[in-house]
Amino acid sequence: MDESKNPPQERGINVWLALEAYDLAVHKRFDVLALFAGDQDFVPLIRKINGLGTRVLVIGVDTGASGKNSQKTSSRLINEASYTIMLSEEIDSENSKEDSILNGVFHKKV
């Protein structure tokens, strides 16, 4: 198999993140766990966290672009979460144009 055409993908970090998040939710008894992810692989984590009585906030980003580098938050992930903030919508909203904090952090490409 030619790895230059199909490079190996890192999957272990998702497992590590899920275990760490679950462990913290169990031992620290958080009210809300914020998960900045878009991959549906985290749906089982959300279900387990919800089962502990901890709510889950998913912070997602949709790039709107199509192709290899596009990003889209899984609808399954959104449906399982207690709360969702779509960061891409917040940044692009009319209200954010007046927000000096957001304008100082995010810059549009020219």
N, C-alpha and C. Protein backbone atom coordinates (compact mmCIF):
# COMPACT_ATOMS: atom_id res chain seq x y z
N MET A 1 0.84 -1.18 0.00
CA MET A 1 0.00 0.00 0.00
C MET A 1 0.88 1.24 0.00
N ASP A 2 0.61 2.17 -0.88
CA ASP A 2 1.37 3.39 -1.01
C ASP A 2 0.85 4.42 -0.01
N GLU A 3 1.64 4.70 1.06
CA GLU A 3 1.20 5.62 2.11
C GLU A 3 1.17 7.06 1.65
N SER A 4 1.83 7.40 0.54
CA SER A 4 1.76 8.77 0.06
C SER A 4 0.37 9.08 -0.50
N LYS A 5 -0.32 8.07 -1.00
CA LYS A 5 -1.68 8.27 -1.52
C LYS A 5 -2.73 8.09 -0.43
N ASN A 6 -2.48 7.20 0.51
CA ASN A 6 -3.40 6.91 1.61
C ASN A 6 -2.63 6.92 2.93
N PRO A 7 -2.28 8.12 3.42
CA PRO A 7 -1.51 8.16 4.66
C PRO A 7 -2.34 7.63 5.83
N PRO A 8 -1.68 7.01 6.80
CA PRO A 8 -2.43 6.49 7.95
C PRO A 8 -3.07 7.63 8.72
N GLN A 9 -4.29 7.41 9.22
CA GLN A 9 -5.00 8.44 9.97
C GLN A 9 -4.87 8.17 11.46
N GLU A 10 -4.69 9.23 12.22
CA GLU A 10 -4.59 9.13 13.67
C GLU A 10 -5.97 8.97 14.26
N ARG A 11 -6.24 7.86 14.86
CA ARG A 11 -7.54 7.60 15.48
C ARG A 11 -7.42 7.56 17.00
N GLY A 12 -6.22 7.33 17.51
CA GLY A 12 -6.03 7.17 18.94
C GLY A 12 -6.37 8.41 19.76
N ILE A 13 -6.21 9.58 19.21
CA ILE A 13 -6.46 10.81 19.96
C ILE A 13 -7.94 10.92 20.31
N ASN A 14 -8.83 10.44 19.46
CA ASN A 14 -10.26 10.46 19.77
C ASN A 14 -10.57 9.59 20.98
N VAL A 15 -9.94 8.43 21.04
CA VAL A 15 -10.15 7.52 22.16
C VAL A 15 -9.61 8.15 23.44
N TRP A 16 -8.42 8.71 23.36
CA TRP A 16 -7.82 9.35 24.53
C TRP A 16 -8.69 10.50 25.02
N LEU A 17 -9.16 11.36 24.12
CA LEU A 17 -10.01 12.49 24.49
C LEU A 17 -11.30 12.00 25.15
N ALA A 18 -11.92 10.99 24.59
CA ALA A 18 -13.17 10.46 25.13
C ALA A 18 -12.95 9.90 26.54
N LEU A 19 -11.88 9.14 26.73
CA LEU A 19 -11.60 8.58 28.05
C LEU A 19 -11.31 9.67 29.07
N GLU A 20 -10.56 10.66 28.68
CA GLU A 20 -10.24 11.77 29.58
C GLU A 20 -11.49 12.55 29.95
N ALA A 21 -12.34 12.84 28.98
CA ALA A 21 -13.58 13.58 29.23
C ALA A 21 -14.50 12.79 30.15
N TYR A 22 -14.63 11.51 29.91
CA TYR A 22 -15.49 10.67 30.75
C TYR A 22 -14.94 10.60 32.18
N ASP A 23 -13.65 10.41 32.30
CA ASP A 23 -13.02 10.33 33.61
C ASP A 23 -13.23 11.63 34.40
N LEU A 24 -13.05 12.75 33.74
CA LEU A 24 -13.25 14.04 34.42
C LEU A 24 -14.71 14.24 34.82
N ALA A 25 -15.62 13.83 33.96
CA ALA A 25 -17.05 13.98 34.27
C ALA A 25 -17.43 13.11 35.47
N VAL A 26 -16.86 11.91 35.56
CA VAL A 26 -17.16 11.00 36.67
C VAL A 26 -16.59 11.54 37.98
N HIS A 27 -15.33 11.94 37.95
CA HIS A 27 -14.64 12.30 39.20
C HIS A 27 -14.84 13.75 39.61
N LYS A 28 -14.99 14.64 38.68
CA LYS A 28 -15.15 16.06 39.01
C LYS A 28 -16.61 16.48 39.09
N ARG A 29 -17.51 15.63 38.60
CA ARG A 29 -18.95 15.87 38.64
C ARG A 29 -19.32 17.24 38.05
N PHE A 30 -18.91 17.45 36.82
CA PHE A 30 -19.22 18.69 36.12
C PHE A 30 -20.71 18.78 35.84
N ASP A 31 -21.23 20.02 35.81
CA ASP A 31 -22.62 20.24 35.40
C ASP A 31 -22.73 20.16 33.88
N VAL A 32 -21.74 20.75 33.19
CA VAL A 32 -21.73 20.79 31.73
C VAL A 32 -20.32 20.48 31.24
N LEU A 33 -20.23 19.64 30.23
CA LEU A 33 -18.96 19.35 29.58
C LEU A 33 -19.02 19.96 28.19
N ALA A 34 -18.04 20.80 27.85
CA ALA A 34 -17.98 21.41 26.52
C ALA A 34 -17.08 20.56 25.63
N LEU A 35 -17.60 20.18 24.49
CA LEU A 35 -16.88 19.33 23.55
C LEU A 35 -16.75 20.09 22.23
N PHE A 36 -15.54 20.46 21.88
CA PHE A 36 -15.28 21.16 20.63
C PHE A 36 -14.89 20.10 19.62
N ALA A 37 -15.89 19.54 18.96
CA ALA A 37 -15.67 18.44 18.03
C ALA A 37 -16.83 18.39 17.05
N GLY A 38 -16.62 17.72 15.94
CA GLY A 38 -17.68 17.59 14.96
C GLY A 38 -17.87 16.18 14.46
N ASP A 39 -17.07 15.29 14.95
CA ASP A 39 -17.03 13.91 14.48
C ASP A 39 -18.09 13.07 15.18
N GLN A 40 -18.87 12.32 14.42
CA GLN A 40 -19.91 11.48 15.01
C GLN A 40 -19.34 10.36 15.87
N ASP A 41 -18.04 10.15 15.82
CA ASP A 41 -17.41 9.15 16.68
C ASP A 41 -17.59 9.49 18.16
N PHE A 42 -17.92 10.74 18.48
CA PHE A 42 -18.09 11.16 19.87
C PHE A 42 -19.52 10.98 20.38
N VAL A 43 -20.43 10.47 19.56
CA VAL A 43 -21.82 10.25 19.99
C VAL A 43 -21.88 9.32 21.20
N PRO A 44 -21.17 8.17 21.22
CA PRO A 44 -21.21 7.32 22.41
C PRO A 44 -20.72 8.03 23.67
N LEU A 45 -19.72 8.89 23.53
CA LEU A 45 -19.24 9.66 24.67
C LEU A 45 -20.34 10.56 25.22
N ILE A 46 -21.04 11.26 24.33
CA ILE A 46 -22.11 12.15 24.78
C ILE A 46 -23.19 11.35 25.50
N ARG A 47 -23.53 10.19 24.98
CA ARG A 47 -24.55 9.36 25.63
C ARG A 47 -24.11 8.94 27.03
N LYS A 48 -22.85 8.56 27.17
CA LYS A 48 -22.33 8.16 28.49
C LYS A 48 -22.30 9.34 29.45
N ILE A 49 -21.88 10.49 28.97
CA ILE A 49 -21.81 11.69 29.81
C ILE A 49 -23.22 12.09 30.24
N ASN A 50 -24.17 12.06 29.31
CA ASN A 50 -25.56 12.36 29.65
C ASN A 50 -26.09 11.38 30.70
N GLY A 51 -25.68 10.12 30.60
CA GLY A 51 -26.10 9.10 31.56
C GLY A 51 -25.61 9.38 32.97
N LEU A 52 -24.53 10.14 33.09
CA LEU A 52 -24.02 10.53 34.41
C LEU A 52 -24.80 11.72 34.99
N GLY A 53 -25.65 12.32 34.15
CA GLY A 53 -26.38 13.51 34.59
C GLY A 53 -25.67 14.80 34.23
N THR A 54 -24.60 14.70 33.47
CA THR A 54 -23.86 15.87 33.01
C THR A 54 -24.35 16.25 31.62
N ARG A 55 -24.66 17.51 31.44
CA ARG A 55 -25.09 17.96 30.12
C ARG A 55 -23.87 18.21 29.24
N VAL A 56 -24.07 18.13 27.93
CA VAL A 56 -22.97 18.29 26.98
C VAL A 56 -23.28 19.44 26.04
N LEU A 57 -22.31 20.34 25.94
CA LEU A 57 -22.36 21.46 24.99
C LEU A 57 -21.41 21.13 23.86
N VAL A 58 -21.93 21.01 22.65
CA VAL A 58 -21.09 20.79 21.47
C VAL A 58 -20.83 22.13 20.82
N ILE A 59 -19.56 22.44 20.62
CA ILE A 59 -19.16 23.63 19.89
C ILE A 59 -18.70 23.15 18.53
N GLY A 60 -19.47 23.48 17.49
CA GLY A 60 -19.18 22.98 16.16
C GLY A 60 -18.80 24.10 15.20
N VAL A 61 -18.19 23.70 14.10
CA VAL A 61 -17.79 24.63 13.06
C VAL A 61 -18.09 23.99 11.72
N ASP A 62 -18.81 24.71 10.87
CA ASP A 62 -19.04 24.29 9.49
C ASP A 62 -18.36 25.30 8.59
N THR A 63 -17.46 24.84 7.75
CA THR A 63 -16.73 25.78 6.90
C THR A 63 -17.54 26.25 5.71
N GLY A 64 -18.53 25.47 5.31
CA GLY A 64 -19.32 25.85 4.15
C GLY A 64 -18.64 25.50 2.84
N ALA A 65 -17.35 25.26 2.90
CA ALA A 65 -16.61 24.90 1.69
C ALA A 65 -16.86 23.42 1.39
N SER A 66 -16.71 23.07 0.15
CA SER A 66 -16.81 21.65 -0.20
C SER A 66 -15.43 21.18 -0.63
N GLY A 67 -15.22 19.91 -0.50
CA GLY A 67 -13.95 19.35 -0.92
C GLY A 67 -13.19 18.74 0.22
N LYS A 68 -11.92 18.51 0.00
CA LYS A 68 -11.07 17.77 0.92
C LYS A 68 -10.94 18.44 2.30
N ASN A 69 -10.86 19.76 2.34
CA ASN A 69 -10.62 20.46 3.60
C ASN A 69 -11.89 21.01 4.24
N SER A 70 -13.05 20.58 3.78
CA SER A 70 -14.29 21.09 4.36
C SER A 70 -14.54 20.45 5.72
N GLN A 71 -15.24 21.17 6.57
CA GLN A 71 -15.59 20.69 7.90
C GLN A 71 -17.08 20.84 8.10
N LYS A 72 -17.72 19.80 8.60
CA LYS A 72 -19.15 19.84 8.87
C LYS A 72 -19.39 19.07 10.17
N THR A 73 -20.07 19.70 11.10
CA THR A 73 -20.38 19.05 12.37
C THR A 73 -21.47 18.02 12.15
N SER A 74 -21.28 16.84 12.69
CA SER A 74 -22.22 15.74 12.52
C SER A 74 -23.58 16.09 13.12
N SER A 75 -24.65 15.87 12.36
CA SER A 75 -25.99 16.12 12.86
C SER A 75 -26.32 15.16 14.00
N ARG A 76 -25.77 13.95 13.98
CA ARG A 76 -25.97 13.00 15.08
C ARG A 76 -25.38 13.54 16.38
N LEU A 77 -24.23 14.18 16.26
CA LEU A 77 -23.58 14.77 17.43
C LEU A 77 -24.42 15.91 17.98
N ILE A 78 -24.92 16.75 17.10
CA ILE A 78 -25.77 17.87 17.49
C ILE A 78 -27.04 17.38 18.17
N ASN A 79 -27.64 16.34 17.63
CA ASN A 79 -28.90 15.81 18.18
C ASN A 79 -28.71 15.21 19.57
N GLU A 80 -27.56 14.66 19.85
CA GLU A 80 -27.31 14.04 21.17
C GLU A 80 -26.95 15.07 22.23
N ALA A 81 -26.43 16.21 21.83
CA ALA A 81 -25.96 17.22 22.78
C ALA A 81 -27.13 17.93 23.47
N SER A 82 -26.87 18.37 24.69
CA SER A 82 -27.86 19.18 25.40
C SER A 82 -27.93 20.58 24.82
N TYR A 83 -26.76 21.10 24.44
CA TYR A 83 -26.65 22.44 23.88
C TYR A 83 -25.70 22.39 22.69
N THR A 84 -25.91 23.30 21.77
CA THR A 84 -25.01 23.41 20.61
C THR A 84 -24.74 24.88 20.33
N ILE A 85 -23.49 25.19 20.08
CA ILE A 85 -23.11 26.51 19.58
C ILE A 85 -22.36 26.27 18.28
N MET A 86 -22.90 26.80 17.21
CA MET A 86 -22.20 26.70 15.93
C MET A 86 -21.33 27.95 15.81
N LEU A 87 -20.07 27.77 16.07
CA LEU A 87 -19.13 28.89 16.09
C LEU A 87 -19.09 29.61 14.76
N SER A 88 -19.17 28.88 13.68
CA SER A 88 -19.14 29.50 12.35
C SER A 88 -20.32 30.44 12.15
N GLU A 89 -21.49 30.07 12.66
CA GLU A 89 -22.67 30.94 12.54
C GLU A 89 -22.53 32.16 13.44
N GLU A 90 -21.99 31.97 14.64
CA GLU A 90 -21.80 33.09 15.55
C GLU A 90 -20.85 34.13 14.97
N ILE A 91 -19.78 33.66 14.36
CA ILE A 91 -18.78 34.56 13.79
C ILE A 91 -19.36 35.33 12.60
N ASP A 92 -20.16 34.65 11.78
CA ASP A 92 -20.70 35.25 10.57
C ASP A 92 -21.99 36.03 10.78
N SER A 93 -22.56 35.98 11.99
CA SER A 93 -23.85 36.64 12.22
C SER A 93 -23.72 38.16 12.18
N GLU A 94 -24.84 38.81 11.93
CA GLU A 94 -24.87 40.27 11.89
C GLU A 94 -24.49 40.87 13.23
N ASN A 95 -24.90 40.24 14.32
CA ASN A 95 -24.59 40.76 15.66
C ASN A 95 -23.09 40.75 15.94
N SER A 96 -22.36 39.80 15.37
CA SER A 96 -20.93 39.72 15.63
C SER A 96 -20.14 40.83 14.96
N LYS A 97 -20.71 41.42 13.93
CA LYS A 97 -20.00 42.50 13.24
C LYS A 97 -19.78 43.70 14.16
N GLU A 98 -20.63 43.85 15.16
CA GLU A 98 -20.52 44.94 16.12
C GLU A 98 -19.74 44.53 17.37
N ASP A 99 -19.38 43.26 17.48
CA ASP A 99 -18.72 42.75 18.67
C ASP A 99 -17.21 42.94 18.55
N SER A 100 -16.67 43.86 19.34
CA SER A 100 -15.24 44.17 19.24
C SER A 100 -14.36 43.00 19.66
N ILE A 101 -14.84 42.17 20.59
CA ILE A 101 -14.04 41.01 21.02
C ILE A 101 -13.90 40.01 19.88
N LEU A 102 -15.02 39.66 19.23
CA LEU A 102 -14.94 38.73 18.10
C LEU A 102 -14.14 39.32 16.96
N ASN A 103 -14.33 40.60 16.68
CA ASN A 103 -13.59 41.23 15.60
C ASN A 103 -12.09 41.25 15.88
N GLY A 104 -11.71 41.28 17.16
CA GLY A 104 -10.30 41.27 17.51
C GLY A 104 -9.68 39.89 17.41
N VAL A 105 -10.49 38.86 17.48
CA VAL A 105 -9.99 37.49 17.46
C VAL A 105 -9.99 36.91 16.05
N PHE A 106 -11.07 37.16 15.31
CA PHE A 106 -11.22 36.56 14.00
C PHE A 106 -11.10 37.61 12.92
N HIS A 107 -10.34 37.30 11.90
CA HIS A 107 -10.16 38.21 10.77
C HIS A 107 -10.60 37.51 9.51
N LYS A 108 -11.31 38.21 8.68
CA LYS A 108 -11.71 37.64 7.39
C LYS A 108 -10.53 37.69 6.44
N LYS A 109 -10.43 36.65 5.62
CA LYS A 109 -9.39 36.64 4.58
C LYS A 109 -9.74 37.67 3.53
N VAL A 110 -8.74 38.38 3.06
CA VAL A 110 -8.96 39.38 2.00
C VAL A 110 -8.34 38.94 0.72
